[in-house]
């Protein structure tokens, strides 16, 4: 999937949310931690199963997934 080999989706893990390598650590959790001021090193220290590449790829995936595309509604007569 577009170079996101560490991002997985499984309906049996967190209801199919985007997760990191099949773990119960969601992309949204990582984004939330960064948004609230945690550094990459702090995140990896807090979640020892994560690798730095997991965090950076989660952020890249979140940026890709949130790329806004505006499609105007069709006018009806």
N, C-alpha and C. Protein backbone atom coordinates (compact mmCIF):
# COMPACT_ATOMS: atom_id res chain seq x y z
N UNK A 1 0.84 -1.18 0.00
CA UNK A 1 0.00 0.00 0.00
C UNK A 1 0.88 1.24 0.00
N UNK A 2 1.20 1.75 -1.11
CA UNK A 2 1.89 3.03 -1.26
C UNK A 2 3.12 3.19 -0.37
N UNK A 3 3.82 2.11 -0.11
CA UNK A 3 5.04 2.20 0.69
C UNK A 3 4.82 2.23 2.19
N UNK A 4 3.65 1.94 2.65
CA UNK A 4 3.36 1.93 4.09
C UNK A 4 3.36 0.49 4.59
N UNK A 5 4.52 -0.12 4.61
CA UNK A 5 4.61 -1.53 4.97
C UNK A 5 4.48 -1.79 6.47
N UNK A 6 4.53 -0.76 7.29
CA UNK A 6 4.40 -0.93 8.73
C UNK A 6 2.97 -0.63 9.21
N UNK A 7 2.12 -0.16 8.33
CA UNK A 7 0.73 0.16 8.68
C UNK A 7 -0.15 -1.01 8.27
N UNK A 8 -0.91 -1.52 9.24
CA UNK A 8 -1.75 -2.68 8.99
C UNK A 8 -3.19 -2.40 9.39
N UNK A 9 -4.07 -3.18 8.81
CA UNK A 9 -5.50 -3.08 9.09
C UNK A 9 -6.02 -4.50 9.34
N UNK A 10 -6.64 -4.71 10.48
CA UNK A 10 -7.18 -6.02 10.80
C UNK A 10 -8.48 -5.79 11.57
N UNK A 11 -9.59 -6.30 11.05
CA UNK A 11 -10.86 -6.08 11.75
C UNK A 11 -10.88 -6.62 13.18
N UNK A 12 -9.96 -7.53 13.51
CA UNK A 12 -9.90 -8.09 14.86
C UNK A 12 -8.98 -7.30 15.79
N UNK A 13 -8.32 -6.28 15.28
CA UNK A 13 -7.43 -5.45 16.10
C UNK A 13 -7.93 -4.01 16.02
N UNK A 14 -8.37 -3.50 17.15
CA UNK A 14 -8.90 -2.14 17.26
C UNK A 14 -9.95 -1.84 16.21
N UNK A 15 -10.76 -2.84 15.89
CA UNK A 15 -11.87 -2.64 14.96
C UNK A 15 -11.46 -2.29 13.55
N UNK A 16 -10.23 -2.62 13.17
CA UNK A 16 -9.78 -2.35 11.81
C UNK A 16 -9.10 -1.01 11.61
N UNK A 17 -8.88 -0.27 12.71
CA UNK A 17 -8.19 1.01 12.60
C UNK A 17 -6.77 0.79 12.08
N UNK A 18 -6.20 1.82 11.49
CA UNK A 18 -4.82 1.76 11.04
C UNK A 18 -3.91 1.58 12.25
N UNK A 19 -3.16 0.49 12.27
CA UNK A 19 -2.27 0.16 13.39
C UNK A 19 -0.85 -0.03 12.88
N UNK A 20 0.05 -0.13 13.80
CA UNK A 20 1.46 -0.32 13.47
C UNK A 20 1.82 -1.78 13.64
N UNK A 21 2.21 -2.40 12.55
CA UNK A 21 2.69 -3.79 12.50
C UNK A 21 1.81 -4.77 13.24
N UNK A 22 0.50 -4.61 13.14
CA UNK A 22 -0.42 -5.56 13.75
C UNK A 22 -0.53 -5.45 15.26
N UNK A 23 0.12 -4.47 15.84
CA UNK A 23 0.03 -4.29 17.30
C UNK A 23 -1.20 -3.45 17.62
N UNK A 24 -1.54 -3.40 18.86
CA UNK A 24 -2.66 -2.58 19.31
C UNK A 24 -2.19 -1.15 19.60
N UNK A 25 -1.39 -0.64 18.69
CA UNK A 25 -0.92 0.74 18.76
C UNK A 25 -1.37 1.39 17.45
N UNK A 26 -2.34 2.29 17.55
CA UNK A 26 -2.93 2.87 16.35
C UNK A 26 -2.12 4.07 15.85
N UNK A 27 -2.29 4.32 14.57
CA UNK A 27 -1.69 5.51 13.97
C UNK A 27 -2.22 6.75 14.68
N UNK A 28 -3.51 6.77 14.98
CA UNK A 28 -4.09 7.94 15.64
C UNK A 28 -3.48 8.18 17.02
N UNK A 29 -3.13 7.13 17.74
CA UNK A 29 -2.46 7.30 19.03
C UNK A 29 -1.12 8.00 18.84
N UNK A 30 -0.34 7.53 17.87
CA UNK A 30 0.98 8.12 17.62
C UNK A 30 0.83 9.59 17.23
N UNK A 31 -0.11 9.90 16.36
CA UNK A 31 -0.34 11.29 15.95
C UNK A 31 -0.73 12.13 17.16
N UNK A 32 -1.59 11.60 18.01
CA UNK A 32 -2.02 12.31 19.22
C UNK A 32 -0.83 12.60 20.13
N UNK A 33 0.04 11.62 20.30
CA UNK A 33 1.22 11.81 21.16
C UNK A 33 2.11 12.93 20.62
N UNK A 34 2.34 12.93 19.32
CA UNK A 34 3.17 13.97 18.70
C UNK A 34 2.47 15.33 18.83
N UNK A 35 1.17 15.36 18.58
CA UNK A 35 0.41 16.60 18.66
C UNK A 35 0.44 17.19 20.06
N UNK A 36 0.61 16.33 21.05
CA UNK A 36 0.65 16.79 22.44
C UNK A 36 2.07 16.96 22.97
N UNK A 37 3.04 17.01 22.05
CA UNK A 37 4.38 17.41 22.43
C UNK A 37 5.42 16.33 22.65
N UNK A 38 5.06 15.06 22.51
CA UNK A 38 6.06 14.01 22.72
C UNK A 38 7.00 13.93 21.52
N UNK A 39 8.26 13.71 21.81
CA UNK A 39 9.25 13.54 20.75
C UNK A 39 9.28 12.08 20.31
N UNK A 40 9.91 11.84 19.18
CA UNK A 40 10.05 10.48 18.67
C UNK A 40 10.74 9.61 19.71
N UNK A 41 11.79 10.11 20.32
CA UNK A 41 12.52 9.35 21.34
C UNK A 41 11.65 9.04 22.55
N UNK A 42 10.85 9.99 22.97
CA UNK A 42 9.96 9.77 24.11
C UNK A 42 8.90 8.72 23.80
N UNK A 43 8.38 8.74 22.58
CA UNK A 43 7.36 7.77 22.19
C UNK A 43 7.94 6.36 22.19
N UNK A 44 9.13 6.21 21.62
CA UNK A 44 9.77 4.89 21.57
C UNK A 44 10.12 4.41 22.98
N UNK A 45 10.50 5.32 23.86
CA UNK A 45 10.80 4.94 25.24
C UNK A 45 9.52 4.51 25.98
N UNK A 46 8.41 5.19 25.70
CA UNK A 46 7.13 4.87 26.35
C UNK A 46 6.51 3.59 25.81
N UNK A 47 6.74 3.32 24.54
CA UNK A 47 6.20 2.13 23.87
C UNK A 47 7.36 1.34 23.29
N UNK A 48 8.03 0.51 24.09
CA UNK A 48 9.27 -0.16 23.66
C UNK A 48 9.11 -1.11 22.48
N UNK A 49 7.89 -1.53 22.16
CA UNK A 49 7.70 -2.37 20.98
C UNK A 49 7.77 -1.59 19.68
N UNK A 50 7.69 -0.26 19.79
CA UNK A 50 7.78 0.58 18.60
C UNK A 50 9.23 0.85 18.24
N UNK A 51 9.45 1.03 16.96
CA UNK A 51 10.74 1.46 16.45
C UNK A 51 10.57 2.86 15.87
N UNK A 52 11.66 3.60 15.77
CA UNK A 52 11.58 4.96 15.23
C UNK A 52 10.91 4.98 13.87
N UNK A 53 11.20 3.98 13.04
CA UNK A 53 10.61 3.92 11.71
C UNK A 53 9.09 3.75 11.78
N UNK A 54 8.59 3.08 12.82
CA UNK A 54 7.15 2.94 13.01
C UNK A 54 6.51 4.31 13.20
N UNK A 55 7.12 5.12 14.04
CA UNK A 55 6.57 6.44 14.35
C UNK A 55 6.61 7.33 13.12
N UNK A 56 7.73 7.37 12.43
CA UNK A 56 7.82 8.23 11.25
C UNK A 56 6.85 7.76 10.16
N UNK A 57 6.71 6.46 9.98
CA UNK A 57 5.79 5.98 8.96
C UNK A 57 4.34 6.25 9.36
N UNK A 58 4.02 6.16 10.64
CA UNK A 58 2.67 6.50 11.10
C UNK A 58 2.35 7.95 10.78
N UNK A 59 3.30 8.83 10.99
CA UNK A 59 3.09 10.25 10.68
C UNK A 59 2.96 10.47 9.18
N UNK A 60 3.78 9.79 8.39
CA UNK A 60 3.66 9.89 6.94
C UNK A 60 2.31 9.38 6.46
N UNK A 61 1.86 8.25 7.02
CA UNK A 61 0.56 7.70 6.65
C UNK A 61 -0.56 8.68 7.01
N UNK A 62 -0.50 9.25 8.20
CA UNK A 62 -1.54 10.19 8.63
C UNK A 62 -1.58 11.40 7.71
N UNK A 63 -0.42 11.89 7.30
CA UNK A 63 -0.38 13.03 6.37
C UNK A 63 -1.00 12.64 5.04
N UNK A 64 -0.67 11.45 4.55
CA UNK A 64 -1.23 10.97 3.29
C UNK A 64 -2.74 10.80 3.40
N UNK A 65 -3.20 10.19 4.48
CA UNK A 65 -4.62 9.89 4.65
C UNK A 65 -5.46 11.15 4.83
N UNK A 66 -4.86 12.20 5.34
CA UNK A 66 -5.63 13.42 5.61
C UNK A 66 -5.50 14.45 4.49
N UNK A 67 -4.87 14.09 3.40
CA UNK A 67 -4.73 15.01 2.28
C UNK A 67 -6.11 15.37 1.76
N UNK A 68 -6.50 16.61 1.98
CA UNK A 68 -7.84 17.06 1.61
C UNK A 68 -7.98 17.25 0.11
N UNK A 69 -9.06 16.75 -0.40
CA UNK A 69 -9.44 16.99 -1.78
C UNK A 69 -10.86 17.51 -1.75
N UNK A 70 -11.04 18.70 -2.28
CA UNK A 70 -12.38 19.31 -2.29
C UNK A 70 -13.07 18.95 -3.60
N UNK A 71 -14.21 18.32 -3.48
CA UNK A 71 -15.03 17.99 -4.64
C UNK A 71 -16.36 18.69 -4.46
N UNK A 72 -16.59 19.74 -5.25
CA UNK A 72 -17.84 20.49 -5.07
C UNK A 72 -19.05 19.62 -5.41
N UNK A 73 -20.11 19.85 -4.68
CA UNK A 73 -21.34 19.10 -4.92
C UNK A 73 -21.92 19.53 -6.27
N UNK A 74 -22.47 18.59 -6.95
CA UNK A 74 -23.10 18.89 -8.24
C UNK A 74 -24.35 19.72 -7.99
N UNK A 75 -24.54 20.71 -8.83
CA UNK A 75 -25.74 21.53 -8.72
C UNK A 75 -26.94 20.76 -9.26
N UNK A 76 -28.03 20.87 -8.53
CA UNK A 76 -29.26 20.22 -8.99
C UNK A 76 -30.20 21.26 -9.52
N UNK A 77 -30.93 20.89 -10.51
CA UNK A 77 -31.87 21.85 -11.13
C UNK A 77 -33.23 21.74 -10.53
